[in-house]
Amino acid sequence: MAEIITCTPKSLPRNLWVAAAQRAVEINPLNHAPVERLATVIPGFKAQPEHLAVVITKYWQTHKVSLTVSFMDNPPANLRKRILQHMNAWNKTANVNFVETKRDGQVRIAREVDGYWSYIGTDVLSIPAGQHTMNLQEFTMQTPESEFHRVARHETGHTMGFPHEHMRRELVDKIDPQKAIAFFGQTQGWSPDEVRQQVLTPIEESSIRGTAHADPNSIMCYQIPGTITKDGKPIIGGKDIDASDFQFVAQIYPKGAKAPAKAPARRRAARAGR
């Protein structure tokens, strides 16, 4: 079976969760947690900020998403162009555009020996200037084109707010925990706790704005070999953006979407005086 995308999305420090959640909702009100369903997720639920912070989504605004991109280690121009082309593959159906800037971009890419990862969606805005928000370990012009499809597009999906597809319960339930711990320990050097975090702990459906069913062919899904699934059948995983990915991203970031209408000046003034 093909090598697995060893991606480990970055999480913000706990002390930034609430502020990042509030910012996500300000950017896109649809990120707001479905409060009426939270009681089924959190025992004894009361709408406290720290609860809301971990169940909201981190998508950008639905209209004209244009994110600036900078590179931390000054790679050659042809490599920068190639990476940006793959990042912009998502705009085939989505109103999203990634544009290079020489200054600190909203998205900041490094190629450190630190694996493949990205912060999720609007969380990138909480990362201090001068620190990278995405890592494409040792990518060069000699990196196979298939890796640009498989990895660069996957990490861009995270930057757009998409979590790992294989962590939806429908797919997690197919995996044998003990076999997974042994497999990822051997192939990726992960500890049992890291395997549980990255592969075996499902994302609560109440915190997902996604397709009705998990897509095992999604670019956001790990390739899981049949040797560690309960029925012996592999979870194919995605090597490129598939039709379902393109359809879903078009719903999240529809082309032609307009900015919400602003309140008339008088109404804004009246609200300001309250």
C-alpha atoms as a PDB file:
ATOM      1  CA  MET A   1       0.000   0.000   0.000  1.00  0.00           C
ATOM      2  CA  ALA A   2       1.147   3.562  -0.721  1.00  0.00           C
ATOM      3  CA  GLU A   3       2.839   5.541   2.025  1.00  0.00           C
ATOM      4  CA  ILE A   4       0.507   7.254   4.447  1.00  0.00           C
ATOM      5  CA  ILE A   5       0.304  11.027   4.678  1.00  0.00           C
ATOM      6  CA  THR A   6       1.882  11.514   8.081  1.00  0.00           C
ATOM      7  CA  CYS A   7       0.077  14.752   8.772  1.00  0.00           C
ATOM      8  CA  THR A   8      -0.422  15.982  12.316  1.00  0.00           C
ATOM      9  CA  PRO A   9      -2.576  19.144  12.317  1.00  0.00           C
ATOM     10  CA  LYS A  10      -1.440  21.660  14.888  1.00  0.00           C
ATOM     11  CA  SER A  11      -3.656  22.760  17.761  1.00  0.00           C
ATOM     12  CA  LEU A  12      -3.468  26.113  19.484  1.00  0.00           C
ATOM     13  CA  PRO A  13      -2.370  26.350  23.127  1.00  0.00           C
ATOM     14  CA  ARG A  14      -5.347  25.974  25.438  1.00  0.00           C
ATOM     15  CA  ASN A  15      -5.105  29.588  26.617  1.00  0.00           C
ATOM     16  CA  LEU A  16      -5.894  30.756  23.063  1.00  0.00           C
ATOM     17  CA  TRP A  17      -8.924  28.525  22.459  1.00  0.00           C
ATOM     18  CA  VAL A  18     -11.665  30.923  23.502  1.00  0.00           C
ATOM     19  CA  ALA A  19     -10.235  33.954  21.686  1.00  0.00           C
ATOM     20  CA  ALA A  20      -9.652  31.880  18.536  1.00  0.00           C
ATOM     21  CA  ALA A  21     -13.208  30.538  18.686  1.00  0.00           C
ATOM     22  CA  GLN A  22     -14.636  34.036  19.054  1.00  0.00           C
ATOM     23  CA  ARG A  23     -12.579  35.207  16.083  1.00  0.00           C
ATOM     24  CA  ALA A  24     -13.762  32.255  13.983  1.00  0.00           C
ATOM     25  CA  VAL A  25     -17.398  33.160  14.633  1.00  0.00           C
ATOM     26  CA  GLU A  26     -16.735  36.826  13.854  1.00  0.00           C
ATOM     27  CA  ILE A  27     -15.204  35.840  10.514  1.00  0.00           C
ATOM     28  CA  ASN A  28     -17.971  33.367   9.668  1.00  0.00           C
ATOM     29  CA  PRO A  29     -21.096  33.205  11.894  1.00  0.00           C
ATOM     30  CA  LEU A  30     -21.797  29.723  10.499  1.00  0.00           C
ATOM     31  CA  ASN A  31     -18.841  28.514  12.568  1.00  0.00           C
ATOM     32  CA  HIS A  32     -20.955  28.966  15.689  1.00  0.00           C
ATOM     33  CA  ALA A  33     -21.472  25.789  17.683  1.00  0.00           C
ATOM     34  CA  PRO A  34     -24.888  24.101  17.339  1.00  0.00           C
ATOM     35  CA  VAL A  35     -25.787  24.853  20.958  1.00  0.00           C
ATOM     36  CA  GLU A  36     -28.974  22.818  20.925  1.00  0.00           C
ATOM     37  CA  ARG A  37     -26.919  19.665  20.263  1.00  0.00           C
ATOM     38  CA  LEU A  38     -24.101  20.286  22.702  1.00  0.00           C
ATOM     39  CA  ALA A  39     -25.944  18.728  25.631  1.00  0.00           C
ATOM     40  CA  THR A  40     -25.590  15.373  23.867  1.00  0.00           C
ATOM     41  CA  VAL A  41     -21.832  15.896  23.560  1.00  0.00           C
ATOM     42  CA  ILE A  42     -20.916  17.416  26.934  1.00  0.00           C
ATOM     43  CA  PRO A  43     -22.558  15.947  30.060  1.00  0.00           C
ATOM     44  CA  GLY A  44     -24.177  18.646  32.192  1.00  0.00           C
ATOM     45  CA  PHE A  45     -23.610  21.145  29.409  1.00  0.00           C
ATOM     46  CA  LYS A  46     -23.950  24.860  30.062  1.00  0.00           C
ATOM     47  CA  ALA A  47     -22.987  27.319  27.342  1.00  0.00           C
ATOM     48  CA  GLN A  48     -19.566  28.236  28.737  1.00  0.00           C
ATOM     49  CA  PRO A  49     -16.975  29.805  26.380  1.00  0.00           C
ATOM     50  CA  GLU A  50     -14.458  26.988  26.887  1.00  0.00           C
ATOM     51  CA  HIS A  51     -17.073  24.437  25.799  1.00  0.00           C
ATOM     52  CA  LEU A  52     -17.989  26.368  22.682  1.00  0.00           C
ATOM     53  CA  ALA A  53     -14.329  26.823  21.784  1.00  0.00           C
ATOM     54  CA  VAL A  54     -13.692  23.132  21.164  1.00  0.00           C
ATOM     55  CA  VAL A  55     -16.770  22.329  19.086  1.00  0.00           C
ATOM     56  CA  ILE A  56     -17.011  25.199  16.625  1.00  0.00           C
ATOM     57  CA  THR A  57     -15.606  24.987  13.110  1.00  0.00           C
ATOM     58  CA  LYS A  58     -12.847  27.250  11.778  1.00  0.00           C
ATOM     59  CA  TYR A  59     -13.941  28.069   8.235  1.00  0.00           C
ATOM     60  CA  TRP A  60     -13.200  31.419   6.622  1.00  0.00           C
ATOM     61  CA  GLN A  61     -15.907  33.793   5.391  1.00  0.00           C
ATOM     62  CA  THR A  62     -18.034  32.446   2.538  1.00  0.00           C
ATOM     63  CA  HIS A  63     -17.359  35.385   0.213  1.00  0.00           C
ATOM     64  CA  LYS A  64     -14.134  36.154  -1.648  1.00  0.00           C
ATOM     65  CA  VAL A  65     -11.595  34.307   0.474  1.00  0.00           C
ATOM     66  CA  SER A  66      -8.165  35.624  -0.521  1.00  0.00           C
ATOM     67  CA  LEU A  67      -5.326  34.587   1.769  1.00  0.00           C
ATOM     68  CA  THR A  68      -1.775  35.860   1.503  1.00  0.00           C
ATOM     69  CA  VAL A  69       1.037  33.299   1.520  1.00  0.00           C
ATOM     70  CA  SER A  70       4.694  33.791   2.412  1.00  0.00           C
ATOM     71  CA  PHE A  71       7.621  31.369   2.571  1.00  0.00           C
ATOM     72  CA  MET A  72       9.861  31.258   5.624  1.00  0.00           C
ATOM     73  CA  ASP A  73      13.110  29.984   4.078  1.00  0.00           C
ATOM     74  CA  ASN A  74      13.199  31.798   0.732  1.00  0.00           C
ATOM     75  CA  PRO A  75      12.757  28.819  -1.621  1.00  0.00           C
ATOM     76  CA  PRO A  76      13.342  29.383  -5.354  1.00  0.00           C
ATOM     77  CA  ALA A  77      10.653  31.164  -7.359  1.00  0.00           C
ATOM     78  CA  ASN A  78       9.721  28.072  -9.383  1.00  0.00           C
ATOM     79  CA  LEU A  79       9.085  26.082  -6.203  1.00  0.00           C
ATOM     80  CA  ARG A  80       6.996  28.853  -4.662  1.00  0.00           C
ATOM     81  CA  LYS A  81       4.937  29.040  -7.848  1.00  0.00           C
ATOM     82  CA  ARG A  82       4.469  25.271  -7.923  1.00  0.00           C
ATOM     83  CA  ILE A  83       3.274  25.111  -4.318  1.00  0.00           C
ATOM     84  CA  LEU A  84       0.832  27.977  -4.891  1.00  0.00           C
ATOM     85  CA  GLN A  85      -0.553  26.279  -7.998  1.00  0.00           C
ATOM     86  CA  HIS A  86      -1.388  23.209  -5.938  1.00  0.00           C
ATOM     87  CA  MET A  87      -2.870  25.277  -3.119  1.00  0.00           C
ATOM     88  CA  ASN A  88      -5.100  26.990  -5.668  1.00  0.00           C
ATOM     89  CA  ALA A  89      -6.284  23.666  -7.092  1.00  0.00           C
ATOM     90  CA  TRP A  90      -9.149  24.006  -4.598  1.00  0.00           C
ATOM     91  CA  ASN A  91     -10.490  27.083  -6.393  1.00  0.00           C
ATOM     92  CA  LYS A  92     -11.673  24.966  -9.302  1.00  0.00           C
ATOM     93  CA  THR A  93     -15.037  24.977  -7.520  1.00  0.00           C
ATOM     94  CA  ALA A  94     -14.431  27.258  -4.519  1.00  0.00           C
ATOM     95  CA  ASN A  95     -14.269  31.001  -4.038  1.00  0.00           C
ATOM     96  CA  VAL A  96     -10.803  30.756  -2.473  1.00  0.00           C
ATOM     97  CA  ASN A  97      -7.533  32.220  -3.680  1.00  0.00           C
ATOM     98  CA  PHE A  98      -3.991  32.020  -2.289  1.00  0.00           C
ATOM     99  CA  VAL A  99      -1.680  34.891  -3.269  1.00  0.00           C
ATOM    100  CA  GLU A 100       2.036  35.181  -2.527  1.00  0.00           C
ATOM    101  CA  THR A 101       3.340  38.144  -0.580  1.00  0.00           C
ATOM    102  CA  LYS A 102       6.914  39.039   0.379  1.00  0.00           C
ATOM    103  CA  ARG A 103       5.738  40.226   3.785  1.00  0.00           C
ATOM    104  CA  ASP A 104       4.419  38.045   6.603  1.00  0.00           C
ATOM    105  CA  GLY A 105       1.512  36.251   4.945  1.00  0.00           C
ATOM    106  CA  GLN A 106      -1.593  35.015   6.700  1.00  0.00           C
ATOM    107  CA  VAL A 107      -0.377  31.560   5.657  1.00  0.00           C
ATOM    108  CA  ARG A 108       3.350  31.062   6.299  1.00  0.00           C
ATOM    109  CA  ILE A 109       5.053  27.988   4.878  1.00  0.00           C
ATOM    110  CA  ALA A 110       8.278  26.355   6.070  1.00  0.00           C
ATOM    111  CA  ARG A 111      10.084  23.183   4.968  1.00  0.00           C
ATOM    112  CA  GLU A 112      11.617  22.164   8.281  1.00  0.00           C
ATOM    113  CA  VAL A 113      12.334  18.536   9.190  1.00  0.00           C
ATOM    114  CA  ASP A 114       9.140  18.433  11.214  1.00  0.00           C
ATOM    115  CA  GLY A 115       6.718  16.433   9.069  1.00  0.00           C
ATOM    116  CA  TYR A 116       3.639  17.666   7.239  1.00  0.00           C
ATOM    117  CA  TRP A 117       1.152  19.824   9.123  1.00  0.00           C
ATOM    118  CA  SER A 118      -0.993  22.942   9.191  1.00  0.00           C
ATOM    119  CA  TYR A 119      -3.106  24.820  11.685  1.00  0.00           C
ATOM    120  CA  ILE A 120      -6.828  24.559  10.990  1.00  0.00           C
ATOM    121  CA  GLY A 121      -8.643  27.373   9.182  1.00  0.00           C
ATOM    122  CA  THR A 122      -8.902  30.681  11.018  1.00  0.00           C
ATOM    123  CA  ASP A 123      -6.584  29.396  13.765  1.00  0.00           C
ATOM    124  CA  VAL A 124      -3.684  30.519  11.549  1.00  0.00           C
ATOM    125  CA  LEU A 125      -4.528  34.097  12.556  1.00  0.00           C
ATOM    126  CA  SER A 126      -3.605  33.286  16.163  1.00  0.00           C
ATOM    127  CA  ILE A 127      -0.024  32.342  15.255  1.00  0.00           C
ATOM    128  CA  PRO A 128       2.481  35.164  15.915  1.00  0.00           C
ATOM    129  CA  ALA A 129       4.174  36.799  12.943  1.00  0.00           C
ATOM    130  CA  GLY A 130       7.458  35.128  12.104  1.00  0.00           C
ATOM    131  CA  GLN A 131       6.178  31.638  12.958  1.00  0.00           C
ATOM    132  CA  HIS A 132       4.995  29.276  10.239  1.00  0.00           C
ATOM    133  CA  THR A 133       1.431  27.989   9.984  1.00  0.00           C
ATOM    134  CA  MET A 134       2.151  25.131   7.551  1.00  0.00           C
ATOM    135  CA  ASN A 135       5.083  22.765   7.121  1.00  0.00           C
ATOM    136  CA  LEU A 136       5.994  20.855   3.958  1.00  0.00           C
ATOM    137  CA  GLN A 137       9.047  18.927   5.079  1.00  0.00           C
ATOM    138  CA  GLU A 138      11.953  19.184   2.614  1.00  0.00           C
ATOM    139  CA  PHE A 139       9.777  19.913  -0.441  1.00  0.00           C
ATOM    140  CA  THR A 140      11.919  20.796  -3.473  1.00  0.00           C
ATOM    141  CA  MET A 141      11.492  20.882  -7.239  1.00  0.00           C
ATOM    142  CA  GLN A 142      12.677  17.250  -7.188  1.00  0.00           C
ATOM    143  CA  THR A 143       9.724  16.200  -5.019  1.00  0.00           C
ATOM    144  CA  PRO A 144       7.451  13.973  -7.169  1.00  0.00           C
ATOM    145  CA  GLU A 145       4.381  15.656  -8.619  1.00  0.00           C
ATOM    146  CA  SER A 146       2.227  13.037  -6.888  1.00  0.00           C
ATOM    147  CA  GLU A 147       3.457  14.350  -3.521  1.00  0.00           C
ATOM    148  CA  PHE A 148       2.394  17.884  -4.378  1.00  0.00           C
ATOM    149  CA  HIS A 149      -1.085  16.505  -5.143  1.00  0.00           C
ATOM    150  CA  ARG A 150      -1.159  14.280  -2.071  1.00  0.00           C
ATOM    151  CA  VAL A 151       0.478  16.490   0.562  1.00  0.00           C
ATOM    152  CA  ALA A 152       0.386  20.164  -0.467  1.00  0.00           C
ATOM    153  CA  ARG A 153      -3.307  19.970  -1.370  1.00  0.00           C
ATOM    154  CA  HIS A 154      -4.070  18.056   1.842  1.00  0.00           C
ATOM    155  CA  GLU A 155      -2.370  20.639   4.057  1.00  0.00           C
ATOM    156  CA  THR A 156      -4.128  23.427   2.169  1.00  0.00           C
ATOM    157  CA  GLY A 157      -7.397  21.689   3.014  1.00  0.00           C
ATOM    158  CA  HIS A 158      -6.513  22.065   6.695  1.00  0.00           C
ATOM    159  CA  THR A 159      -5.711  25.754   6.168  1.00  0.00           C
ATOM    160  CA  MET A 160      -9.178  26.125   4.648  1.00  0.00           C
ATOM    161  CA  GLY A 161     -10.706  24.629   7.799  1.00  0.00           C
ATOM    162  CA  PHE A 162     -11.110  20.943   6.949  1.00  0.00           C
ATOM    163  CA  PRO A 163     -10.293  18.347   9.650  1.00  0.00           C
ATOM    164  CA  HIS A 164      -9.094  14.825   8.911  1.00  0.00           C
ATOM    165  CA  GLU A 165     -11.827  12.783   7.238  1.00  0.00           C
ATOM    166  CA  HIS A 166     -10.565   9.478   8.651  1.00  0.00           C
ATOM    167  CA  MET A 167     -11.332  10.748  12.175  1.00  0.00           C
ATOM    168  CA  ARG A 168     -15.067  10.625  11.594  1.00  0.00           C
ATOM    169  CA  ARG A 169     -16.635   7.887  13.704  1.00  0.00           C
ATOM    170  CA  GLU A 170     -17.863   5.980  10.650  1.00  0.00           C
ATOM    171  CA  LEU A 171     -14.238   5.301   9.653  1.00  0.00           C
ATOM    172  CA  VAL A 172     -12.615   5.159  13.098  1.00  0.00           C
ATOM    173  CA  ASP A 173     -14.965   2.304  14.025  1.00  0.00           C
ATOM    174  CA  LYS A 174     -13.459   0.230  11.211  1.00  0.00           C
ATOM    175  CA  ILE A 175      -9.950   0.326  12.720  1.00  0.00           C
ATOM    176  CA  ASP A 176      -8.559  -2.267  15.145  1.00  0.00           C
ATOM    177  CA  PRO A 177      -6.990  -0.197  17.968  1.00  0.00           C
ATOM    178  CA  GLN A 178      -4.214  -2.608  18.963  1.00  0.00           C
ATOM    179  CA  LYS A 179      -3.166  -3.277  15.380  1.00  0.00           C
ATOM    180  CA  ALA A 180      -3.203   0.460  14.661  1.00  0.00           C
ATOM    181  CA  ILE A 181      -1.002   1.229  17.671  1.00  0.00           C
ATOM    182  CA  ALA A 182       1.518  -1.401  16.553  1.00  0.00           C
ATOM    183  CA  PHE A 183       1.422  -0.296  12.899  1.00  0.00           C
ATOM    184  CA  PHE A 184       1.833   3.444  13.426  1.00  0.00           C
ATOM    185  CA  GLY A 185       4.404   2.855  16.141  1.00  0.00           C
ATOM    186  CA  GLN A 186       6.508   0.871  13.685  1.00  0.00           C
ATOM    187  CA  THR A 187       5.980   2.983  10.555  1.00  0.00           C
ATOM    188  CA  GLN A 188       5.737   6.504  12.011  1.00  0.00           C
ATOM    189  CA  GLY A 189       7.414   6.184  15.400  1.00  0.00           C
ATOM    190  CA  TRP A 190       4.239   7.325  17.162  1.00  0.00           C
ATOM    191  CA  SER A 191       3.545   6.526  20.796  1.00  0.00           C
ATOM    192  CA  PRO A 192       0.261   4.784  21.685  1.00  0.00           C
ATOM    193  CA  ASP A 193      -1.141   8.129  22.856  1.00  0.00           C
ATOM    194  CA  GLU A 194      -0.201   9.766  19.548  1.00  0.00           C
ATOM    195  CA  VAL A 195      -1.948   6.983  17.621  1.00  0.00           C
ATOM    196  CA  ARG A 196      -5.053   7.402  19.750  1.00  0.00           C
ATOM    197  CA  GLN A 197      -5.009  11.154  19.123  1.00  0.00           C
ATOM    198  CA  GLN A 198      -4.271  11.047  15.388  1.00  0.00           C
ATOM    199  CA  VAL A 199      -6.216   7.948  14.320  1.00  0.00           C
ATOM    200  CA  LEU A 200      -8.428   6.402  16.995  1.00  0.00           C
ATOM    201  CA  THR A 201     -10.326   9.310  18.595  1.00  0.00           C
ATOM    202  CA  PRO A 202     -13.314  10.303  16.440  1.00  0.00           C
ATOM    203  CA  ILE A 203     -14.352  13.903  15.978  1.00  0.00           C
ATOM    204  CA  GLU A 204     -17.836  14.434  17.375  1.00  0.00           C
ATOM    205  CA  GLU A 205     -20.313  14.760  14.522  1.00  0.00           C
ATOM    206  CA  SER A 206     -21.921  17.733  16.267  1.00  0.00           C
ATOM    207  CA  SER A 207     -18.703  19.695  15.719  1.00  0.00           C
ATOM    208  CA  ILE A 208     -18.483  18.911  12.000  1.00  0.00           C
ATOM    209  CA  ARG A 209     -19.916  20.768   9.047  1.00  0.00           C
ATOM    210  CA  GLY A 210     -19.340  18.033   6.519  1.00  0.00           C
ATOM    211  CA  THR A 211     -20.860  15.582   4.099  1.00  0.00           C
ATOM    212  CA  ALA A 212     -23.631  13.300   5.354  1.00  0.00           C
ATOM    213  CA  HIS A 213     -21.275  10.316   5.309  1.00  0.00           C
ATOM    214  CA  ALA A 214     -17.521   9.954   5.604  1.00  0.00           C
ATOM    215  CA  ASP A 215     -15.653   9.913   2.286  1.00  0.00           C
ATOM    216  CA  PRO A 216     -12.860   7.284   2.382  1.00  0.00           C
ATOM    217  CA  ASN A 217     -11.472   8.646  -0.901  1.00  0.00           C
ATOM    218  CA  SER A 218     -11.206  12.255   0.311  1.00  0.00           C
ATOM    219  CA  ILE A 219      -7.856  14.035   0.071  1.00  0.00           C
ATOM    220  CA  MET A 220      -8.366  14.701   3.792  1.00  0.00           C
ATOM    221  CA  CYS A 221      -8.462  10.965   4.628  1.00  0.00           C
ATOM    222  CA  TYR A 222      -5.427   8.880   5.632  1.00  0.00           C
ATOM    223  CA  GLN A 223      -4.710   5.719   3.679  1.00  0.00           C
ATOM    224  CA  ILE A 224      -5.374   2.905   6.182  1.00  0.00           C
ATOM    225  CA  PRO A 225      -4.154  -0.604   5.243  1.00  0.00           C
ATOM    226  CA  GLY A 226      -6.470  -3.585   5.553  1.00  0.00           C
ATOM    227  CA  THR A 227      -4.005  -5.207   7.949  1.00  0.00           C
ATOM    228  CA  ILE A 228      -5.211  -2.885  10.729  1.00  0.00           C
ATOM    229  CA  THR A 229      -8.950  -2.743   9.968  1.00  0.00           C
ATOM    230  CA  LYS A 230     -11.452  -5.015  11.664  1.00  0.00           C
ATOM    231  CA  ASP A 231     -12.796  -6.463   8.398  1.00  0.00           C
ATOM    232  CA  GLY A 232      -9.474  -6.629   6.581  1.00  0.00           C
ATOM    233  CA  LYS A 233     -10.550  -4.092   3.968  1.00  0.00           C
ATOM    234  CA  PRO A 234      -8.368  -1.004   3.485  1.00  0.00           C
ATOM    235  CA  ILE A 235      -9.602   2.557   3.801  1.00  0.00           C
ATOM    236  CA  ILE A 236      -8.371   3.789   0.448  1.00  0.00           C
ATOM    237  CA  GLY A 237      -7.645   7.374   1.434  1.00  0.00           C
ATOM    238  CA  GLY A 238      -7.112  10.238  -0.964  1.00  0.00           C
ATOM    239  CA  LYS A 239      -4.130  10.960  -3.192  1.00  0.00           C
ATOM    240  CA  ASP A 240      -5.791  14.033  -4.656  1.00  0.00           C
ATOM    241  CA  ILE A 241      -8.896  16.204  -4.277  1.00  0.00           C
ATOM    242  CA  ASP A 242     -11.820  13.992  -5.295  1.00  0.00           C
ATOM    243  CA  ALA A 243     -15.260  14.832  -6.689  1.00  0.00           C
ATOM    244  CA  SER A 244     -16.842  14.816  -3.228  1.00  0.00           C
ATOM    245  CA  ASP A 245     -14.156  17.198  -1.931  1.00  0.00           C
ATOM    246  CA  PHE A 246     -14.786  19.587  -4.817  1.00  0.00           C
ATOM    247  CA  GLN A 247     -18.540  19.418  -4.237  1.00  0.00           C
ATOM    248  CA  PHE A 248     -18.222  20.055  -0.507  1.00  0.00           C
ATOM    249  CA  VAL A 249     -15.747  22.937  -0.779  1.00  0.00           C
ATOM    250  CA  ALA A 250     -18.117  24.572  -3.268  1.00  0.00           C
ATOM    251  CA  GLN A 251     -20.811  24.513  -0.570  1.00  0.00           C
ATOM    252  CA  ILE A 252     -18.532  25.973   2.104  1.00  0.00           C
ATOM    253  CA  TYR A 253     -16.996  28.614  -0.172  1.00  0.00           C
ATOM    254  CA  PRO A 254     -19.509  29.092  -3.021  1.00  0.00           C
ATOM    255  CA  LYS A 255     -18.407  31.017  -6.063  1.00  0.00           C
ATOM    256  CA  GLY A 256     -20.414  34.182  -6.539  1.00  0.00           C
ATOM    257  CA  ALA A 257     -21.110  34.527  -2.809  1.00  0.00           C
ATOM    258  CA  LYS A 258     -21.437  38.144  -1.737  1.00  0.00           C
ATOM    259  CA  ALA A 259     -20.486  39.827   1.504  1.00  0.00           C
ATOM    260  CA  PRO A 260     -23.354  40.210   4.004  1.00  0.00           C
ATOM    261  CA  ALA A 261     -25.194  43.503   3.557  1.00  0.00           C
ATOM    262  CA  LYS A 262     -24.096  46.184   6.003  1.00  0.00           C
ATOM    263  CA  ALA A 263     -26.644  47.914   8.184  1.00  0.00           C
ATOM    264  CA  PRO A 264     -27.660  51.421   7.008  1.00  0.00           C
ATOM    265  CA  ALA A 265     -25.614  54.255   8.507  1.00  0.00           C
ATOM    266  CA  ARG A 266     -28.455  55.429  10.762  1.00  0.00           C
ATOM    267  CA  ARG A 267     -28.990  51.990  12.198  1.00  0.00           C
ATOM    268  CA  ARG A 268     -25.283  51.551  12.819  1.00  0.00           C
ATOM    269  CA  ALA A 269     -25.168  54.913  14.591  1.00  0.00           C
ATOM    270  CA  ALA A 270     -28.201  54.003  16.670  1.00  0.00           C
ATOM    271  CA  ARG A 271     -26.607  50.720  17.719  1.00  0.00           C
ATOM    272  CA  ALA A 272     -23.369  52.475  18.590  1.00  0.00           C
ATOM    273  CA  GLY A 273     -25.284  54.811  20.898  1.00  0.00           C
ATOM    274  CA  ARG A 274     -26.910  52.017  22.863  1.00  0.00           C
END
